[in-house]
Structure formats: structure tokens, C-alpha cells
N, C-alpha and C. Protein backbone atom coordinates (compact mmCIF):
# COMPACT_ATOMS: atom_id res chain seq x y z
N UNK A 1 -1.08 3.29 -3.17
CA UNK A 1 -1.71 2.43 -4.15
C UNK A 1 -3.28 2.64 -4.02
N UNK A 2 -3.80 2.59 -2.80
CA UNK A 2 -5.23 2.71 -2.59
C UNK A 2 -5.68 4.16 -2.83
N UNK A 3 -4.97 5.13 -2.49
CA UNK A 3 -5.51 6.49 -2.65
C UNK A 3 -5.36 6.87 -4.19
N UNK A 4 -4.41 6.40 -4.84
CA UNK A 4 -4.40 6.61 -6.32
C UNK A 4 -5.57 5.99 -6.99
N UNK A 5 -5.95 4.80 -6.60
CA UNK A 5 -7.04 4.09 -7.18
C UNK A 5 -8.40 4.82 -6.84
N UNK A 6 -8.46 5.28 -5.62
CA UNK A 6 -9.64 6.01 -5.21
C UNK A 6 -9.86 7.28 -6.02
N UNK A 7 -8.76 7.97 -6.22
CA UNK A 7 -8.91 9.26 -7.03
C UNK A 7 -9.26 8.98 -8.44
N UNK A 8 -8.69 7.92 -9.06
CA UNK A 8 -9.06 7.58 -10.44
C UNK A 8 -10.59 7.25 -10.55
N UNK A 9 -11.01 6.41 -9.69
CA UNK A 9 -12.41 5.98 -9.68
C UNK A 9 -13.32 7.18 -9.51
N UNK A 10 -12.99 7.99 -8.43
CA UNK A 10 -13.74 9.18 -8.18
C UNK A 10 -13.80 10.17 -9.44
N UNK A 11 -12.64 10.40 -9.99
CA UNK A 11 -12.61 11.24 -11.12
C UNK A 11 -13.46 10.72 -12.32
N UNK A 12 -13.32 9.35 -12.60
CA UNK A 12 -14.13 8.77 -13.66
C UNK A 12 -15.64 8.86 -13.32
N UNK A 13 -15.97 8.56 -12.13
CA UNK A 13 -17.40 8.59 -11.82
C UNK A 13 -18.07 10.00 -11.82
N UNK A 14 -17.26 10.95 -11.52
CA UNK A 14 -17.69 12.39 -11.63
C UNK A 14 -17.90 12.87 -13.06
N UNK A 15 -17.18 12.19 -14.01
CA UNK A 15 -17.21 12.57 -15.43
C UNK A 15 -18.29 11.93 -16.18
N UNK A 16 -18.88 10.90 -15.65
CA UNK A 16 -19.88 10.16 -16.41
C UNK A 16 -21.01 11.16 -16.81
N UNK A 17 -21.38 11.07 -18.07
CA UNK A 17 -22.45 11.98 -18.55
C UNK A 17 -21.98 13.42 -18.88
N UNK A 18 -20.69 13.61 -18.83
CA UNK A 18 -20.09 14.95 -19.14
C UNK A 18 -19.16 14.90 -20.22
N UNK A 19 -19.33 13.86 -21.08
CA UNK A 19 -18.48 13.74 -22.28
C UNK A 19 -17.13 12.95 -22.08
N UNK A 20 -16.91 12.52 -20.84
CA UNK A 20 -15.67 11.81 -20.54
C UNK A 20 -16.07 10.70 -19.53
N UNK A 21 -15.11 9.89 -19.22
CA UNK A 21 -15.37 8.85 -18.28
C UNK A 21 -15.98 7.61 -18.95
N UNK A 22 -16.23 6.57 -18.22
CA UNK A 22 -16.80 5.42 -18.80
C UNK A 22 -18.32 5.56 -18.84
N UNK A 23 -18.97 4.58 -19.49
CA UNK A 23 -20.44 4.65 -19.55
C UNK A 23 -21.17 4.36 -18.15
N UNK A 24 -20.47 3.50 -17.39
CA UNK A 24 -20.92 3.08 -16.08
C UNK A 24 -19.96 3.43 -14.99
N UNK A 25 -20.48 3.52 -13.74
CA UNK A 25 -19.63 3.75 -12.59
C UNK A 25 -18.68 2.61 -12.40
N UNK A 26 -17.47 2.94 -12.12
CA UNK A 26 -16.43 1.88 -11.84
C UNK A 26 -16.44 1.53 -10.33
N UNK A 27 -16.37 0.28 -10.05
CA UNK A 27 -16.43 -0.28 -8.69
C UNK A 27 -15.11 -1.01 -8.37
N UNK A 28 -14.75 -1.07 -7.16
CA UNK A 28 -13.53 -1.76 -6.72
C UNK A 28 -13.78 -3.20 -6.31
N UNK A 29 -13.07 -4.15 -6.88
CA UNK A 29 -13.14 -5.51 -6.47
C UNK A 29 -12.11 -5.64 -5.36
N UNK A 30 -12.58 -5.49 -4.09
CA UNK A 30 -11.67 -5.41 -2.92
C UNK A 30 -10.86 -6.64 -2.75
N UNK A 31 -11.37 -7.81 -2.85
CA UNK A 31 -10.61 -9.03 -2.69
C UNK A 31 -9.55 -9.15 -3.56
N UNK A 32 -9.80 -8.83 -4.96
CA UNK A 32 -8.72 -8.89 -5.88
C UNK A 32 -7.67 -7.79 -5.62
N UNK A 33 -8.08 -6.61 -5.27
CA UNK A 33 -7.18 -5.54 -5.01
C UNK A 33 -6.24 -5.80 -3.79
N UNK A 34 -6.85 -6.39 -2.74
CA UNK A 34 -6.04 -6.71 -1.53
C UNK A 34 -5.05 -7.79 -1.86
N UNK A 35 -5.42 -8.80 -2.65
CA UNK A 35 -4.49 -9.86 -3.09
C UNK A 35 -3.31 -9.25 -3.91
N UNK A 36 -3.70 -8.32 -4.89
CA UNK A 36 -2.56 -7.63 -5.57
C UNK A 36 -1.65 -6.89 -4.72
N UNK A 37 -2.16 -6.12 -3.71
CA UNK A 37 -1.34 -5.37 -2.74
C UNK A 37 -0.43 -6.34 -1.96
N UNK A 38 -1.08 -7.43 -1.51
CA UNK A 38 -0.26 -8.36 -0.72
C UNK A 38 0.93 -8.87 -1.53
N UNK A 39 0.66 -9.30 -2.71
CA UNK A 39 1.74 -9.86 -3.58
C UNK A 39 2.75 -8.75 -3.92
N UNK A 40 2.36 -7.52 -4.10
CA UNK A 40 3.23 -6.45 -4.45
C UNK A 40 4.17 -6.01 -3.32
N UNK A 41 3.77 -6.24 -2.07
CA UNK A 41 4.50 -5.76 -0.86
C UNK A 41 5.10 -6.79 -0.05
N UNK A 42 4.73 -8.05 -0.20
CA UNK A 42 5.14 -9.10 0.69
C UNK A 42 6.66 -9.29 0.74
N UNK A 43 7.34 -9.11 -0.32
CA UNK A 43 8.79 -9.29 -0.31
C UNK A 43 9.62 -8.00 0.01
N UNK A 44 8.93 -6.91 0.07
CA UNK A 44 9.70 -5.64 0.34
C UNK A 44 10.36 -5.66 1.72
N UNK A 45 9.77 -6.07 2.76
CA UNK A 45 10.56 -6.05 4.05
C UNK A 45 11.77 -6.88 4.00
N UNK A 46 11.77 -8.02 3.39
CA UNK A 46 12.98 -8.92 3.29
C UNK A 46 14.04 -8.20 2.47
N UNK A 47 13.64 -7.61 1.38
CA UNK A 47 14.58 -6.96 0.44
C UNK A 47 15.21 -5.73 1.19
N UNK A 48 14.47 -4.99 1.94
CA UNK A 48 14.93 -3.87 2.63
C UNK A 48 15.87 -4.32 3.80
N UNK A 49 15.51 -5.36 4.52
CA UNK A 49 16.38 -5.90 5.52
C UNK A 49 17.79 -6.36 4.94
N UNK A 50 17.68 -7.05 3.86
CA UNK A 50 18.88 -7.50 3.21
C UNK A 50 19.79 -6.35 2.85
N UNK A 51 19.17 -5.28 2.27
CA UNK A 51 19.92 -4.11 1.99
C UNK A 51 20.59 -3.46 3.24
N UNK A 52 19.87 -3.38 4.37
CA UNK A 52 20.42 -2.88 5.58
C UNK A 52 21.67 -3.72 6.01
N UNK A 53 21.53 -5.09 6.01
CA UNK A 53 22.60 -5.93 6.39
C UNK A 53 23.80 -5.71 5.47
N UNK A 54 23.56 -5.60 4.28
CA UNK A 54 24.72 -5.34 3.34
C UNK A 54 25.40 -4.08 3.59
N UNK A 55 24.61 -3.04 4.13
CA UNK A 55 25.24 -1.82 4.52
C UNK A 55 25.91 -1.80 5.94
N UNK A 56 25.87 -2.89 6.58
CA UNK A 56 26.46 -3.02 7.90
C UNK A 56 25.51 -2.51 9.04
N UNK A 57 24.24 -2.41 8.71
CA UNK A 57 23.28 -1.94 9.75
C UNK A 57 22.66 -3.20 10.47
N UNK A 58 22.71 -3.12 11.76
CA UNK A 58 22.10 -4.27 12.55
C UNK A 58 20.57 -4.24 12.47
N UNK A 59 20.04 -5.32 12.33
CA UNK A 59 18.54 -5.43 12.34
C UNK A 59 18.14 -6.28 13.51
N UNK A 60 16.92 -5.97 14.13
CA UNK A 60 16.44 -6.71 15.22
C UNK A 60 15.01 -7.16 14.99
N UNK A 61 14.67 -8.20 15.58
CA UNK A 61 13.30 -8.74 15.53
C UNK A 61 12.76 -8.93 16.91
N UNK A 62 11.52 -8.63 17.07
CA UNK A 62 10.97 -8.87 18.42
C UNK A 62 10.07 -7.77 18.75
N UNK A 63 9.57 -7.81 20.01
CA UNK A 63 8.59 -6.83 20.45
C UNK A 63 9.40 -5.70 21.21
N UNK A 64 8.99 -4.48 21.01
CA UNK A 64 9.71 -3.41 21.72
C UNK A 64 8.82 -3.03 22.90
N UNK A 65 9.47 -2.30 23.82
CA UNK A 65 8.89 -1.82 25.10
C UNK A 65 9.64 -0.77 25.73
N UNK A 66 9.01 0.04 26.53
CA UNK A 66 9.67 1.11 27.32
C UNK A 66 9.89 0.53 28.76
N UNK A 67 11.17 0.81 29.26
CA UNK A 67 11.40 0.33 30.62
C UNK A 67 10.72 1.27 31.70
N UNK A 68 10.71 2.60 31.38
CA UNK A 68 10.03 3.49 32.20
C UNK A 68 9.78 4.80 31.49
N UNK A 69 9.22 5.84 32.05
CA UNK A 69 8.77 7.01 31.36
C UNK A 69 9.92 7.90 30.87
N UNK A 70 11.16 7.72 31.45
CA UNK A 70 12.22 8.61 31.01
C UNK A 70 13.26 7.94 30.11
N UNK A 71 13.14 6.69 29.81
CA UNK A 71 14.15 6.03 28.89
C UNK A 71 13.50 5.43 27.75
């Protein structure tokens, strides 16, 4: 999402004054963009986990750790 937006803005800003692009440089409203990203992705983990459970895949929650260097 962010890389696509950055490419669009960069392309537009490079074309200003060359017969294409907008009349002014486009700027990112970061707080609005982050809020949009949060809303677009917040239910994904739950949906993915539900799909795994339906497929018979065990899911685990918690902190992972290594017991030693070989295991």
C-alpha cells in the first residue's frame, strides 16, 4: 500500500511542468493514511486464523523462544 502510493506521488511530482501530472506537488496526509491502513488490515489476522481453524490447522498465541542453540 505505502510503496504504491509513494510511486504514484513520485511519478506525479516528476511530471509537473512536463505536460502531465497535477499543477502542484502531491503530499501525503500521514495520519489519514495510517488510519486507513489500520482499518484495512485490522481484521485480516482474525479472518486468516479463522480460515486456518476451519482447515484443521492448530493456531497458537504467545511468545516464542529457543530453548538452546540446537533446537
